[in-house]
N, C-alpha and C. Protein backbone atom coordinates (compact mmCIF):
# COMPACT_ATOMS: atom_id res chain seq x y z
N MET A 1 0.77 -28.77 4.75
CA MET A 1 1.51 -27.73 5.43
C MET A 1 0.78 -26.41 5.22
N ARG A 2 0.72 -25.59 6.26
CA ARG A 2 0.07 -24.29 6.15
C ARG A 2 1.11 -23.18 6.07
N CYS A 3 0.79 -22.15 5.29
CA CYS A 3 1.64 -20.97 5.21
C CYS A 3 1.72 -20.34 6.60
N ARG A 4 2.90 -19.83 6.98
CA ARG A 4 3.02 -19.26 8.32
C ARG A 4 2.37 -17.89 8.46
N THR A 5 1.97 -17.27 7.38
CA THR A 5 1.35 -15.95 7.47
C THR A 5 -0.13 -15.93 7.11
N CYS A 6 -0.68 -17.05 6.71
CA CYS A 6 -2.11 -17.09 6.42
C CYS A 6 -2.62 -18.51 6.65
N CYS A 7 -3.84 -18.75 6.27
CA CYS A 7 -4.44 -20.06 6.54
C CYS A 7 -4.46 -20.97 5.31
N LEU A 8 -3.83 -20.56 4.23
CA LEU A 8 -3.88 -21.35 3.01
C LEU A 8 -2.88 -22.49 3.02
N ARG A 9 -3.24 -23.57 2.40
CA ARG A 9 -2.34 -24.71 2.31
C ARG A 9 -1.32 -24.49 1.21
N THR A 10 -0.09 -24.88 1.47
CA THR A 10 0.96 -24.79 0.46
C THR A 10 1.76 -26.08 0.46
N GLU A 11 2.37 -26.37 -0.65
CA GLU A 11 3.29 -27.49 -0.71
C GLU A 11 4.59 -27.07 -0.05
N ARG A 12 5.32 -28.03 0.49
CA ARG A 12 6.59 -27.71 1.13
C ARG A 12 7.49 -26.95 0.17
N GLY A 13 7.97 -25.78 0.62
CA GLY A 13 8.87 -24.97 -0.19
C GLY A 13 8.18 -24.09 -1.21
N ALA A 14 6.86 -24.23 -1.37
CA ALA A 14 6.14 -23.43 -2.36
C ALA A 14 5.80 -22.06 -1.78
N GLU A 15 5.71 -21.07 -2.65
CA GLU A 15 5.32 -19.73 -2.20
C GLU A 15 3.84 -19.73 -1.85
N CYS A 16 3.50 -18.99 -0.83
CA CYS A 16 2.11 -18.88 -0.39
C CYS A 16 1.29 -18.21 -1.49
N PRO A 17 0.12 -18.77 -1.83
CA PRO A 17 -0.71 -18.18 -2.88
C PRO A 17 -1.23 -16.79 -2.52
N SER A 18 -1.34 -16.47 -1.23
CA SER A 18 -1.85 -15.15 -0.85
C SER A 18 -0.87 -14.05 -1.22
N ARG A 19 0.40 -14.36 -1.38
CA ARG A 19 1.40 -13.35 -1.76
C ARG A 19 1.12 -12.79 -3.15
N LYS A 20 0.47 -13.58 -3.99
CA LYS A 20 0.13 -13.09 -5.32
C LYS A 20 -1.06 -12.13 -5.27
N LEU A 21 -1.85 -12.22 -4.21
CA LEU A 21 -3.02 -11.37 -4.08
C LEU A 21 -2.70 -10.02 -3.44
N PHE A 22 -1.65 -9.97 -2.63
CA PHE A 22 -1.32 -8.76 -1.90
C PHE A 22 0.15 -8.46 -2.02
N THR A 23 0.49 -7.39 -2.70
CA THR A 23 1.88 -6.97 -2.81
C THR A 23 1.97 -5.46 -2.68
N VAL A 24 3.00 -5.03 -2.00
CA VAL A 24 3.27 -3.60 -1.87
C VAL A 24 4.71 -3.32 -2.28
N THR A 25 5.21 -4.16 -3.16
CA THR A 25 6.58 -4.00 -3.65
C THR A 25 6.76 -2.62 -4.25
N GLY A 26 7.85 -1.97 -3.88
CA GLY A 26 8.14 -0.64 -4.38
C GLY A 26 7.48 0.48 -3.61
N LYS A 27 6.73 0.15 -2.58
CA LYS A 27 6.05 1.16 -1.76
C LYS A 27 6.77 1.30 -0.42
N VAL A 28 6.48 2.38 0.28
CA VAL A 28 6.98 2.59 1.64
C VAL A 28 5.77 2.58 2.57
N ALA A 29 5.81 1.74 3.58
CA ALA A 29 4.73 1.65 4.56
C ALA A 29 5.16 2.33 5.85
N VAL A 30 4.33 3.24 6.35
CA VAL A 30 4.57 3.87 7.65
C VAL A 30 3.71 3.15 8.66
N VAL A 31 4.36 2.61 9.70
CA VAL A 31 3.66 1.86 10.74
C VAL A 31 3.93 2.54 12.07
N THR A 32 2.87 3.00 12.72
CA THR A 32 3.01 3.58 14.05
C THR A 32 2.70 2.53 15.09
N GLY A 33 3.20 2.72 16.29
CA GLY A 33 3.01 1.72 17.34
C GLY A 33 3.80 0.46 17.06
N ALA A 34 4.91 0.61 16.34
CA ALA A 34 5.67 -0.55 15.86
C ALA A 34 6.67 -1.10 16.87
N SER A 35 6.59 -0.66 18.12
CA SER A 35 7.54 -1.17 19.11
C SER A 35 7.04 -2.44 19.77
N SER A 36 5.75 -2.76 19.62
CA SER A 36 5.23 -3.99 20.24
C SER A 36 3.88 -4.36 19.63
N GLY A 37 3.45 -5.56 19.93
CA GLY A 37 2.11 -6.02 19.59
C GLY A 37 1.76 -6.01 18.12
N VAL A 38 0.57 -5.48 17.84
CA VAL A 38 0.04 -5.48 16.48
C VAL A 38 0.92 -4.67 15.54
N GLY A 39 1.52 -3.60 16.03
CA GLY A 39 2.40 -2.79 15.20
C GLY A 39 3.57 -3.59 14.65
N VAL A 40 4.14 -4.45 15.49
CA VAL A 40 5.24 -5.31 15.04
C VAL A 40 4.74 -6.28 13.97
N ALA A 41 3.57 -6.85 14.20
CA ALA A 41 3.01 -7.81 13.23
C ALA A 41 2.73 -7.13 11.89
N PHE A 42 2.18 -5.91 11.93
CA PHE A 42 1.94 -5.18 10.69
C PHE A 42 3.24 -4.85 9.97
N ALA A 43 4.23 -4.42 10.73
CA ALA A 43 5.52 -4.08 10.11
C ALA A 43 6.10 -5.29 9.39
N ARG A 44 6.07 -6.42 10.03
CA ARG A 44 6.63 -7.62 9.41
C ARG A 44 5.81 -8.04 8.19
N ALA A 45 4.49 -8.03 8.32
CA ALA A 45 3.63 -8.45 7.20
C ALA A 45 3.82 -7.54 5.98
N LEU A 46 3.91 -6.24 6.21
CA LEU A 46 4.10 -5.32 5.09
C LEU A 46 5.47 -5.49 4.45
N ALA A 47 6.49 -5.72 5.27
CA ALA A 47 7.83 -5.97 4.73
C ALA A 47 7.87 -7.28 3.96
N GLU A 48 7.20 -8.31 4.47
CA GLU A 48 7.14 -9.59 3.76
C GLU A 48 6.40 -9.45 2.44
N ALA A 49 5.47 -8.49 2.37
CA ALA A 49 4.71 -8.24 1.13
C ALA A 49 5.47 -7.32 0.17
N GLY A 50 6.69 -6.90 0.56
CA GLY A 50 7.54 -6.17 -0.36
C GLY A 50 7.79 -4.71 -0.05
N ALA A 51 7.16 -4.16 0.98
CA ALA A 51 7.32 -2.74 1.28
C ALA A 51 8.60 -2.48 2.07
N ASP A 52 9.22 -1.33 1.82
CA ASP A 52 10.21 -0.80 2.74
C ASP A 52 9.40 -0.17 3.87
N ILE A 53 9.98 -0.05 5.06
CA ILE A 53 9.18 0.35 6.21
C ILE A 53 9.77 1.54 6.95
N ALA A 54 8.89 2.42 7.37
CA ALA A 54 9.22 3.52 8.28
C ALA A 54 8.43 3.25 9.55
N LEU A 55 9.15 2.95 10.62
CA LEU A 55 8.49 2.55 11.86
C LEU A 55 8.53 3.70 12.85
N GLY A 56 7.42 3.95 13.51
CA GLY A 56 7.34 5.00 14.51
C GLY A 56 6.76 4.46 15.81
N ALA A 57 7.31 4.95 16.92
CA ALA A 57 6.80 4.61 18.25
C ALA A 57 7.50 5.48 19.27
N ARG A 58 6.95 5.52 20.47
CA ARG A 58 7.58 6.28 21.55
C ARG A 58 8.78 5.53 22.13
N ARG A 59 8.68 4.23 22.23
CA ARG A 59 9.73 3.43 22.87
C ARG A 59 10.80 3.07 21.84
N THR A 60 11.77 3.95 21.69
CA THR A 60 12.76 3.80 20.62
C THR A 60 13.66 2.59 20.80
N ASP A 61 13.91 2.16 22.03
CA ASP A 61 14.75 0.98 22.23
C ASP A 61 14.07 -0.26 21.64
N LEU A 62 12.78 -0.41 21.89
CA LEU A 62 12.03 -1.54 21.32
C LEU A 62 11.85 -1.36 19.82
N LEU A 63 11.69 -0.13 19.40
CA LEU A 63 11.51 0.17 17.98
C LEU A 63 12.73 -0.25 17.17
N GLU A 64 13.91 0.06 17.66
CA GLU A 64 15.15 -0.34 16.98
C GLU A 64 15.25 -1.86 16.89
N ARG A 65 14.82 -2.55 17.93
CA ARG A 65 14.85 -4.01 17.91
C ARG A 65 13.86 -4.56 16.87
N THR A 66 12.67 -3.95 16.80
CA THR A 66 11.70 -4.37 15.79
C THR A 66 12.27 -4.19 14.39
N LEU A 67 12.86 -3.02 14.14
CA LEU A 67 13.43 -2.75 12.82
C LEU A 67 14.50 -3.77 12.47
N ALA A 68 15.40 -4.05 13.38
CA ALA A 68 16.48 -5.01 13.12
C ALA A 68 15.91 -6.39 12.82
N THR A 69 14.93 -6.80 13.59
CA THR A 69 14.32 -8.12 13.40
C THR A 69 13.64 -8.23 12.04
N VAL A 70 12.87 -7.20 11.68
CA VAL A 70 12.14 -7.22 10.40
C VAL A 70 13.12 -7.15 9.23
N ARG A 71 14.13 -6.30 9.32
CA ARG A 71 15.12 -6.21 8.24
C ARG A 71 15.85 -7.52 8.06
N ASP A 72 16.26 -8.15 9.16
CA ASP A 72 16.98 -9.42 9.08
C ASP A 72 16.11 -10.51 8.46
N ALA A 73 14.83 -10.51 8.80
CA ALA A 73 13.92 -11.56 8.32
C ALA A 73 13.50 -11.36 6.87
N THR A 74 13.43 -10.10 6.42
CA THR A 74 12.85 -9.85 5.10
C THR A 74 13.82 -9.26 4.09
N GLY A 75 14.90 -8.65 4.56
CA GLY A 75 15.84 -8.00 3.66
C GLY A 75 15.36 -6.65 3.15
N ARG A 76 14.26 -6.14 3.69
CA ARG A 76 13.73 -4.85 3.25
C ARG A 76 14.47 -3.71 3.97
N ARG A 77 14.46 -2.53 3.35
CA ARG A 77 15.05 -1.35 3.98
C ARG A 77 14.06 -0.74 4.95
N GLY A 78 14.58 0.02 5.92
CA GLY A 78 13.68 0.67 6.85
C GLY A 78 14.38 1.66 7.74
N ILE A 79 13.57 2.50 8.39
CA ILE A 79 14.07 3.44 9.38
C ILE A 79 13.17 3.39 10.61
N ALA A 80 13.75 3.71 11.75
CA ALA A 80 13.00 3.79 13.01
C ALA A 80 12.99 5.24 13.45
N ILE A 81 11.81 5.75 13.78
CA ILE A 81 11.66 7.15 14.13
C ILE A 81 10.92 7.24 15.47
N GLY A 82 11.57 7.80 16.46
CA GLY A 82 10.90 8.02 17.72
C GLY A 82 9.84 9.09 17.55
N THR A 83 8.59 8.76 17.82
CA THR A 83 7.50 9.71 17.62
C THR A 83 6.34 9.36 18.53
N ASP A 84 5.55 10.35 18.83
CA ASP A 84 4.32 10.16 19.60
C ASP A 84 3.19 10.74 18.77
N VAL A 85 2.37 9.90 18.19
CA VAL A 85 1.32 10.38 17.29
C VAL A 85 0.19 11.07 18.04
N ALA A 86 0.17 10.98 19.37
CA ALA A 86 -0.82 11.70 20.16
C ALA A 86 -0.45 13.18 20.28
N GLU A 87 0.79 13.52 20.02
CA GLU A 87 1.26 14.91 20.06
C GLU A 87 0.98 15.59 18.72
N PRO A 88 0.55 16.85 18.75
CA PRO A 88 0.36 17.57 17.49
C PRO A 88 1.66 17.57 16.68
N GLY A 89 1.56 17.22 15.43
CA GLY A 89 2.74 17.20 14.57
C GLY A 89 3.53 15.90 14.62
N GLY A 90 3.14 14.95 15.44
CA GLY A 90 3.90 13.70 15.57
C GLY A 90 3.93 12.88 14.29
N LEU A 91 2.79 12.64 13.70
CA LEU A 91 2.74 11.85 12.47
C LEU A 91 3.30 12.60 11.26
N PRO A 92 2.95 13.87 11.07
CA PRO A 92 3.57 14.58 9.94
C PRO A 92 5.09 14.62 10.03
N ALA A 93 5.63 14.78 11.24
CA ALA A 93 7.09 14.78 11.39
C ALA A 93 7.67 13.44 10.98
N THR A 94 6.99 12.37 11.30
CA THR A 94 7.44 11.03 10.92
C THR A 94 7.43 10.88 9.41
N SER A 95 6.37 11.33 8.76
CA SER A 95 6.25 11.13 7.32
C SER A 95 7.19 12.03 6.52
N ARG A 96 7.72 13.10 7.12
CA ARG A 96 8.65 13.98 6.41
C ARG A 96 10.10 13.50 6.47
N ARG A 97 10.42 12.56 7.33
CA ARG A 97 11.81 12.10 7.43
C ARG A 97 12.24 11.48 6.12
N ARG A 98 13.42 11.81 5.65
CA ARG A 98 13.89 11.33 4.35
C ARG A 98 15.13 10.45 4.46
N ASP A 99 15.61 10.21 5.66
CA ASP A 99 16.83 9.40 5.77
C ASP A 99 16.50 7.92 5.56
N GLY A 100 17.53 7.13 5.42
CA GLY A 100 17.33 5.71 5.22
C GLY A 100 17.19 5.31 3.77
N GLY A 101 17.10 6.28 2.86
CA GLY A 101 17.03 5.98 1.44
C GLY A 101 15.82 5.20 0.99
N ILE A 102 14.71 5.32 1.75
CA ILE A 102 13.53 4.52 1.38
C ILE A 102 12.42 5.32 0.74
N TRP A 103 12.49 6.64 0.82
CA TRP A 103 11.40 7.46 0.29
C TRP A 103 11.55 7.68 -1.20
N PRO A 104 10.47 7.54 -1.93
CA PRO A 104 10.54 7.83 -3.36
C PRO A 104 10.72 9.33 -3.60
N GLY A 105 11.43 9.65 -4.66
CA GLY A 105 11.62 11.02 -5.10
C GLY A 105 11.99 11.93 -4.04
């Protein structure tokens, strides 16, 4: 049987060995473009690796759906922030948000 997130073989019910190599437990990951495609995949992978997530994208309807899906699948905390990183101040505004109880200190 292969792990669903990597190419390593695992025994049925066993934890994937790659999880021991990569962990972001206790960290907050900011993922932009998280409303579709690669952004969704990164958000899920980082949450599965232990990070709480701050998701940013222009399409807030899809972004909220991504957040709900990732939270339900991983149990991690997260927030969705409508943002356009092509606009001046878009990414800094995203990183300054403090709601959702996920930011350290």
